[in-house]
Amino acid sequence: MCHLGGSGSGAKSQMPLPTRQRIHDDRRLYRARSPAQCWRSKKNGPQAIGRSRGGLTTKIHALVDALGNPVELMLTPGQDHDLTCAEPLIENAGPEALIGDKAYDADPFVETLTQRGITPVIPPKANRNIKRECDFALYCERNLVERFFNLLKHFRAIATRYDKLARNFLAGVRLAAVTILLN
């Protein structure tokens, strides 16, 4: 902020009194914004950080086996839907059944599972017109993935993402997953 004013010798001068006006520079945009807002292009590409209701967040997507051991891990920005990375997660896996929550209840995804010979154990959403059947006795085993995430969040670096780069954070998640697997 610049202030206009002069130094006088005690005699009244014809200069205006100092005002508190801002001198705007045409090269800058003056508007309220977060200080962390980046005006330049990202050097390292997308970093799997996204804005959601809770602020800047990252989602960790995991595929675990029948014992709760991690098989595949992925990162997405916080505002992305869970279904966006479901197919890449199961791409290299060949399970007999896939247990997922209601977020994975989409006709194209369920159709992909049935074409591959995988039994979808996904409860139907409440707004679904044609209700699908779900084996709720097998769905009770979904707690294995929740237990894995509970163990994963015992690691402080994972629970509070300190890493800026997605590759560093994913490496930390994988290291924590290996530690969980070995214990």
C-alpha atoms as a PDB file:
ATOM      1  CA  MET A   1       0.000   0.000   0.000  1.00  0.00           C
ATOM      2  CA  CYS A   2       1.401   3.414  -0.893  1.00  0.00           C
ATOM      3  CA  HIS A   3       0.697   6.654   0.965  1.00  0.00           C
ATOM      4  CA  LEU A   4       0.987  10.090  -0.574  1.00  0.00           C
ATOM      5  CA  GLY A   5       2.473  12.856   1.498  1.00  0.00           C
ATOM      6  CA  GLY A   6       5.231  15.390   1.722  1.00  0.00           C
ATOM      7  CA  SER A   7       7.516  16.864   4.285  1.00  0.00           C
ATOM      8  CA  GLY A   8       6.939  20.588   4.880  1.00  0.00           C
ATOM      9  CA  SER A   9       8.819  23.257   6.757  1.00  0.00           C
ATOM     10  CA  GLY A  10       5.862  24.370   8.811  1.00  0.00           C
ATOM     11  CA  ALA A  11       4.374  26.676   6.173  1.00  0.00           C
ATOM     12  CA  LYS A  12       1.192  25.610   4.490  1.00  0.00           C
ATOM     13  CA  SER A  13       1.783  24.149   1.112  1.00  0.00           C
ATOM     14  CA  GLN A  14      -0.608  23.610  -1.714  1.00  0.00           C
ATOM     15  CA  MET A  15      -0.058  19.818  -1.704  1.00  0.00           C
ATOM     16  CA  PRO A  16      -3.071  17.734  -0.798  1.00  0.00           C
ATOM     17  CA  LEU A  17      -3.254  16.064   2.565  1.00  0.00           C
ATOM     18  CA  PRO A  18      -2.144  12.452   2.713  1.00  0.00           C
ATOM     19  CA  THR A  19      -4.881  10.028   1.753  1.00  0.00           C
ATOM     20  CA  ARG A  20      -5.197   6.337   2.246  1.00  0.00           C
ATOM     21  CA  GLN A  21      -5.856   5.427  -1.342  1.00  0.00           C
ATOM     22  CA  ARG A  22      -4.401   2.330  -2.849  1.00  0.00           C
ATOM     23  CA  ILE A  23      -2.335   2.645  -5.944  1.00  0.00           C
ATOM     24  CA  HIS A  24      -3.345  -0.239  -8.153  1.00  0.00           C
ATOM     25  CA  ASP A  25      -0.833  -1.845 -10.416  1.00  0.00           C
ATOM     26  CA  ASP A  26      -2.279  -3.006 -13.715  1.00  0.00           C
ATOM     27  CA  ARG A  27      -0.059  -6.067 -13.708  1.00  0.00           C
ATOM     28  CA  ARG A  28      -1.744  -7.577 -10.655  1.00  0.00           C
ATOM     29  CA  LEU A  29      -5.229  -8.680  -9.898  1.00  0.00           C
ATOM     30  CA  TYR A  30      -6.406  -7.478  -6.509  1.00  0.00           C
ATOM     31  CA  ARG A  31      -9.006  -9.837  -5.183  1.00  0.00           C
ATOM     32  CA  ALA A  32      -9.490 -11.955  -2.120  1.00  0.00           C
ATOM     33  CA  ARG A  33      -7.927 -15.362  -2.556  1.00  0.00           C
ATOM     34  CA  SER A  34      -6.088 -18.011  -0.677  1.00  0.00           C
ATOM     35  CA  PRO A  35      -2.353 -17.342  -0.329  1.00  0.00           C
ATOM     36  CA  ALA A  36      -1.718 -20.914  -1.411  1.00  0.00           C
ATOM     37  CA  GLN A  37      -3.417 -20.327  -4.740  1.00  0.00           C
ATOM     38  CA  CYS A  38      -1.022 -21.023  -7.552  1.00  0.00           C
ATOM     39  CA  TRP A  39      -1.066 -18.777 -10.605  1.00  0.00           C
ATOM     40  CA  ARG A  40       1.524 -20.634 -12.620  1.00  0.00           C
ATOM     41  CA  SER A  41       1.160 -23.996 -14.274  1.00  0.00           C
ATOM     42  CA  LYS A  42       1.942 -27.043 -12.224  1.00  0.00           C
ATOM     43  CA  LYS A  43       5.430 -28.330 -12.867  1.00  0.00           C
ATOM     44  CA  ASN A  44       4.905 -31.886 -11.713  1.00  0.00           C
ATOM     45  CA  GLY A  45       1.409 -32.501 -13.045  1.00  0.00           C
ATOM     46  CA  PRO A  46      -1.633 -33.304 -10.912  1.00  0.00           C
ATOM     47  CA  GLN A  47      -0.754 -34.149  -7.328  1.00  0.00           C
ATOM     48  CA  ALA A  48      -3.971 -35.970  -6.299  1.00  0.00           C
ATOM     49  CA  ILE A  49      -4.995 -33.093  -4.068  1.00  0.00           C
ATOM     50  CA  GLY A  50      -8.576 -31.999  -4.469  1.00  0.00           C
ATOM     51  CA  ARG A  51     -10.983 -29.694  -2.742  1.00  0.00           C
ATOM     52  CA  SER A  52     -13.920 -31.334  -1.035  1.00  0.00           C
ATOM     53  CA  ARG A  53     -16.143 -30.405   1.896  1.00  0.00           C
ATOM     54  CA  GLY A  54     -13.347 -30.988   4.379  1.00  0.00           C
ATOM     55  CA  GLY A  55     -10.814 -28.848   2.517  1.00  0.00           C
ATOM     56  CA  LEU A  56      -7.859 -30.092   0.504  1.00  0.00           C
ATOM     57  CA  THR A  57      -7.940 -33.879   0.611  1.00  0.00           C
ATOM     58  CA  THR A  58      -6.680 -37.000  -1.099  1.00  0.00           C
ATOM     59  CA  LYS A  59      -8.554 -40.290  -1.383  1.00  0.00           C
ATOM     60  CA  ILE A  60      -6.717 -43.562  -0.999  1.00  0.00           C
ATOM     61  CA  HIS A  61      -8.387 -46.429  -2.862  1.00  0.00           C
ATOM     62  CA  ALA A  62      -7.450 -49.963  -1.877  1.00  0.00           C
ATOM     63  CA  LEU A  63      -8.202 -53.470  -3.033  1.00  0.00           C
ATOM     64  CA  VAL A  64      -7.673 -56.062  -0.304  1.00  0.00           C
ATOM     65  CA  ASP A  65      -7.816 -59.838  -0.441  1.00  0.00           C
ATOM     66  CA  ALA A  66      -9.947 -62.185   1.680  1.00  0.00           C
ATOM     67  CA  LEU A  67      -7.545 -61.838   4.626  1.00  0.00           C
ATOM     68  CA  GLY A  68      -7.502 -58.028   4.547  1.00  0.00           C
ATOM     69  CA  ASN A  69      -4.036 -57.785   2.999  1.00  0.00           C
ATOM     70  CA  PRO A  70      -3.532 -54.996   0.441  1.00  0.00           C
ATOM     71  CA  VAL A  71      -3.391 -56.022  -3.210  1.00  0.00           C
ATOM     72  CA  GLU A  72      -3.615 -52.703  -5.079  1.00  0.00           C
ATOM     73  CA  LEU A  73      -3.481 -49.029  -4.029  1.00  0.00           C
ATOM     74  CA  MET A  74      -4.361 -45.824  -5.897  1.00  0.00           C
ATOM     75  CA  LEU A  75      -4.704 -42.102  -5.144  1.00  0.00           C
ATOM     76  CA  THR A  76      -7.276 -39.628  -6.442  1.00  0.00           C
ATOM     77  CA  PRO A  77      -8.173 -36.042  -5.535  1.00  0.00           C
ATOM     78  CA  GLY A  78     -10.707 -35.666  -2.743  1.00  0.00           C
ATOM     79  CA  GLN A  79     -13.580 -34.532  -4.941  1.00  0.00           C
ATOM     80  CA  ASP A  80     -13.392 -37.523  -7.313  1.00  0.00           C
ATOM     81  CA  HIS A  81     -16.002 -40.260  -7.046  1.00  0.00           C
ATOM     82  CA  ASP A  82     -14.961 -43.688  -5.816  1.00  0.00           C
ATOM     83  CA  LEU A  83     -16.104 -45.303  -9.051  1.00  0.00           C
ATOM     84  CA  THR A  84     -13.517 -43.450 -11.178  1.00  0.00           C
ATOM     85  CA  CYS A  85     -10.694 -45.787 -10.204  1.00  0.00           C
ATOM     86  CA  ALA A  86     -12.652 -48.980  -9.557  1.00  0.00           C
ATOM     87  CA  GLU A  87     -11.908 -50.572 -12.922  1.00  0.00           C
ATOM     88  CA  PRO A  88      -8.153 -49.834 -12.858  1.00  0.00           C
ATOM     89  CA  LEU A  89      -7.979 -51.337  -9.350  1.00  0.00           C
ATOM     90  CA  ILE A  90      -9.477 -54.678 -10.381  1.00  0.00           C
ATOM     91  CA  GLU A  91      -7.753 -54.753 -13.770  1.00  0.00           C
ATOM     92  CA  ASN A  92      -4.972 -57.142 -12.689  1.00  0.00           C
ATOM     93  CA  ALA A  93      -6.971 -59.014 -10.034  1.00  0.00           C
ATOM     94  CA  GLY A  94      -9.143 -62.047 -10.640  1.00  0.00           C
ATOM     95  CA  PRO A  95     -11.350 -62.511  -7.591  1.00  0.00           C
ATOM     96  CA  GLU A  96     -14.406 -64.737  -7.457  1.00  0.00           C
ATOM     97  CA  ALA A  97     -16.431 -61.983  -5.782  1.00  0.00           C
ATOM     98  CA  LEU A  98     -15.966 -58.254  -5.286  1.00  0.00           C
ATOM     99  CA  ILE A  99     -17.376 -56.671  -2.144  1.00  0.00           C
ATOM    100  CA  GLY A 100     -18.018 -52.937  -2.340  1.00  0.00           C
ATOM    101  CA  ASP A 101     -20.262 -50.318  -0.805  1.00  0.00           C
ATOM    102  CA  LYS A 102     -23.177 -48.513  -2.437  1.00  0.00           C
ATOM    103  CA  ALA A 103     -20.877 -46.048  -4.223  1.00  0.00           C
ATOM    104  CA  TYR A 104     -19.900 -48.821  -6.643  1.00  0.00           C
ATOM    105  CA  ASP A 105     -23.513 -49.590  -7.579  1.00  0.00           C
ATOM    106  CA  ALA A 106     -23.449 -48.465 -11.202  1.00  0.00           C
ATOM    107  CA  ASP A 107     -24.788 -50.507 -14.095  1.00  0.00           C
ATOM    108  CA  PRO A 108     -21.662 -50.238 -16.320  1.00  0.00           C
ATOM    109  CA  PHE A 109     -19.352 -51.331 -13.489  1.00  0.00           C
ATOM    110  CA  VAL A 110     -21.589 -54.213 -12.392  1.00  0.00           C
ATOM    111  CA  GLU A 111     -21.886 -55.291 -16.030  1.00  0.00           C
ATOM    112  CA  THR A 112     -18.082 -55.259 -16.379  1.00  0.00           C
ATOM    113  CA  LEU A 113     -17.798 -57.470 -13.296  1.00  0.00           C
ATOM    114  CA  THR A 114     -20.341 -59.992 -14.570  1.00  0.00           C
ATOM    115  CA  GLN A 115     -18.629 -60.156 -17.984  1.00  0.00           C
ATOM    116  CA  ARG A 116     -15.355 -61.023 -16.242  1.00  0.00           C
ATOM    117  CA  GLY A 117     -17.070 -63.721 -14.160  1.00  0.00           C
ATOM    118  CA  ILE A 118     -16.785 -61.797 -10.884  1.00  0.00           C
ATOM    119  CA  THR A 119     -19.777 -61.892  -8.551  1.00  0.00           C
ATOM    120  CA  PRO A 120     -20.659 -58.336  -7.476  1.00  0.00           C
ATOM    121  CA  VAL A 121     -21.525 -58.133  -3.771  1.00  0.00           C
ATOM    122  CA  ILE A 122     -22.690 -54.529  -3.820  1.00  0.00           C
ATOM    123  CA  PRO A 123     -25.915 -53.441  -2.093  1.00  0.00           C
ATOM    124  CA  PRO A 124     -28.303 -51.494  -4.321  1.00  0.00           C
ATOM    125  CA  LYS A 125     -28.666 -47.759  -3.851  1.00  0.00           C
ATOM    126  CA  ALA A 126     -31.908 -46.484  -2.373  1.00  0.00           C
ATOM    127  CA  ASN A 127     -32.830 -44.571  -5.535  1.00  0.00           C
ATOM    128  CA  ARG A 128     -32.343 -47.534  -7.876  1.00  0.00           C
ATOM    129  CA  ASN A 129     -35.480 -48.346  -9.887  1.00  0.00           C
ATOM    130  CA  ILE A 130     -34.732 -52.032 -10.399  1.00  0.00           C
ATOM    131  CA  LYS A 131     -33.273 -53.486  -7.205  1.00  0.00           C
ATOM    132  CA  ARG A 132     -30.468 -55.989  -7.596  1.00  0.00           C
ATOM    133  CA  GLU A 133     -29.926 -58.906  -5.265  1.00  0.00           C
ATOM    134  CA  CYS A 134     -27.038 -58.808  -2.814  1.00  0.00           C
ATOM    135  CA  ASP A 135     -25.573 -61.529  -0.594  1.00  0.00           C
ATOM    136  CA  PHE A 136     -25.604 -59.638   2.703  1.00  0.00           C
ATOM    137  CA  ALA A 137     -23.995 -62.560   4.562  1.00  0.00           C
ATOM    138  CA  LEU A 138     -20.920 -62.144   2.349  1.00  0.00           C
ATOM    139  CA  TYR A 139     -21.224 -58.351   2.474  1.00  0.00           C
ATOM    140  CA  CYS A 140     -20.453 -58.515   6.212  1.00  0.00           C
ATOM    141  CA  GLU A 141     -16.851 -59.311   5.222  1.00  0.00           C
ATOM    142  CA  ARG A 142     -16.462 -55.755   3.901  1.00  0.00           C
ATOM    143  CA  ASN A 143     -15.101 -54.784   7.299  1.00  0.00           C
ATOM    144  CA  LEU A 144     -11.722 -56.174   6.192  1.00  0.00           C
ATOM    145  CA  VAL A 145     -11.067 -53.150   4.003  1.00  0.00           C
ATOM    146  CA  GLU A 146     -12.235 -50.842   6.802  1.00  0.00           C
ATOM    147  CA  ARG A 147      -9.809 -52.543   9.176  1.00  0.00           C
ATOM    148  CA  PHE A 148      -7.011 -52.057   6.653  1.00  0.00           C
ATOM    149  CA  PHE A 149      -7.736 -48.323   6.452  1.00  0.00           C
ATOM    150  CA  ASN A 150      -7.826 -48.154  10.250  1.00  0.00           C
ATOM    151  CA  LEU A 151      -4.356 -49.706  10.423  1.00  0.00           C
ATOM    152  CA  LEU A 152      -3.141 -47.466   7.615  1.00  0.00           C
ATOM    153  CA  LYS A 153      -4.213 -44.328   9.439  1.00  0.00           C
ATOM    154  CA  HIS A 154      -2.157 -45.313  12.474  1.00  0.00           C
ATOM    155  CA  PHE A 155       0.780 -43.999  10.448  1.00  0.00           C
ATOM    156  CA  ARG A 156       0.980 -40.254  11.073  1.00  0.00           C
ATOM    157  CA  ALA A 157       2.409 -39.378   7.660  1.00  0.00           C
ATOM    158  CA  ILE A 158      -0.540 -41.100   6.016  1.00  0.00           C
ATOM    159  CA  ALA A 159      -3.266 -39.732   8.293  1.00  0.00           C
ATOM    160  CA  THR A 160      -2.031 -36.158   7.749  1.00  0.00           C
ATOM    161  CA  ARG A 161      -0.617 -35.820   4.279  1.00  0.00           C
ATOM    162  CA  TYR A 162       2.631 -33.901   4.575  1.00  0.00           C
ATOM    163  CA  ASP A 163       3.984 -34.834   1.158  1.00  0.00           C
ATOM    164  CA  LYS A 164       3.342 -32.402  -1.654  1.00  0.00           C
ATOM    165  CA  LEU A 165       3.996 -34.815  -4.498  1.00  0.00           C
ATOM    166  CA  ALA A 166       1.544 -37.624  -5.138  1.00  0.00           C
ATOM    167  CA  ARG A 167       4.319 -40.089  -5.934  1.00  0.00           C
ATOM    168  CA  ASN A 168       5.954 -39.473  -2.542  1.00  0.00           C
ATOM    169  CA  PHE A 169       2.653 -39.866  -0.714  1.00  0.00           C
ATOM    170  CA  LEU A 170       1.785 -43.040  -2.639  1.00  0.00           C
ATOM    171  CA  ALA A 171       5.249 -44.401  -1.807  1.00  0.00           C
ATOM    172  CA  GLY A 172       4.558 -43.724   1.888  1.00  0.00           C
ATOM    173  CA  VAL A 173       1.166 -45.432   1.628  1.00  0.00           C
ATOM    174  CA  ARG A 174       2.774 -48.447  -0.023  1.00  0.00           C
ATOM    175  CA  LEU A 175       5.493 -48.579   2.630  1.00  0.00           C
ATOM    176  CA  ALA A 176       2.859 -48.500   5.361  1.00  0.00           C
ATOM    177  CA  ALA A 177       0.895 -51.210   3.522  1.00  0.00           C
ATOM    178  CA  VAL A 178       4.001 -53.424   3.368  1.00  0.00           C
ATOM    179  CA  THR A 179       4.538 -52.883   7.098  1.00  0.00           C
ATOM    180  CA  ILE A 180       0.911 -53.895   7.744  1.00  0.00           C
ATOM    181  CA  LEU A 181       1.337 -56.920   5.473  1.00  0.00           C
ATOM    182  CA  LEU A 182       4.441 -58.086   7.315  1.00  0.00           C
ATOM    183  CA  ASN A 183       2.901 -57.782  10.786  1.00  0.00           C
END
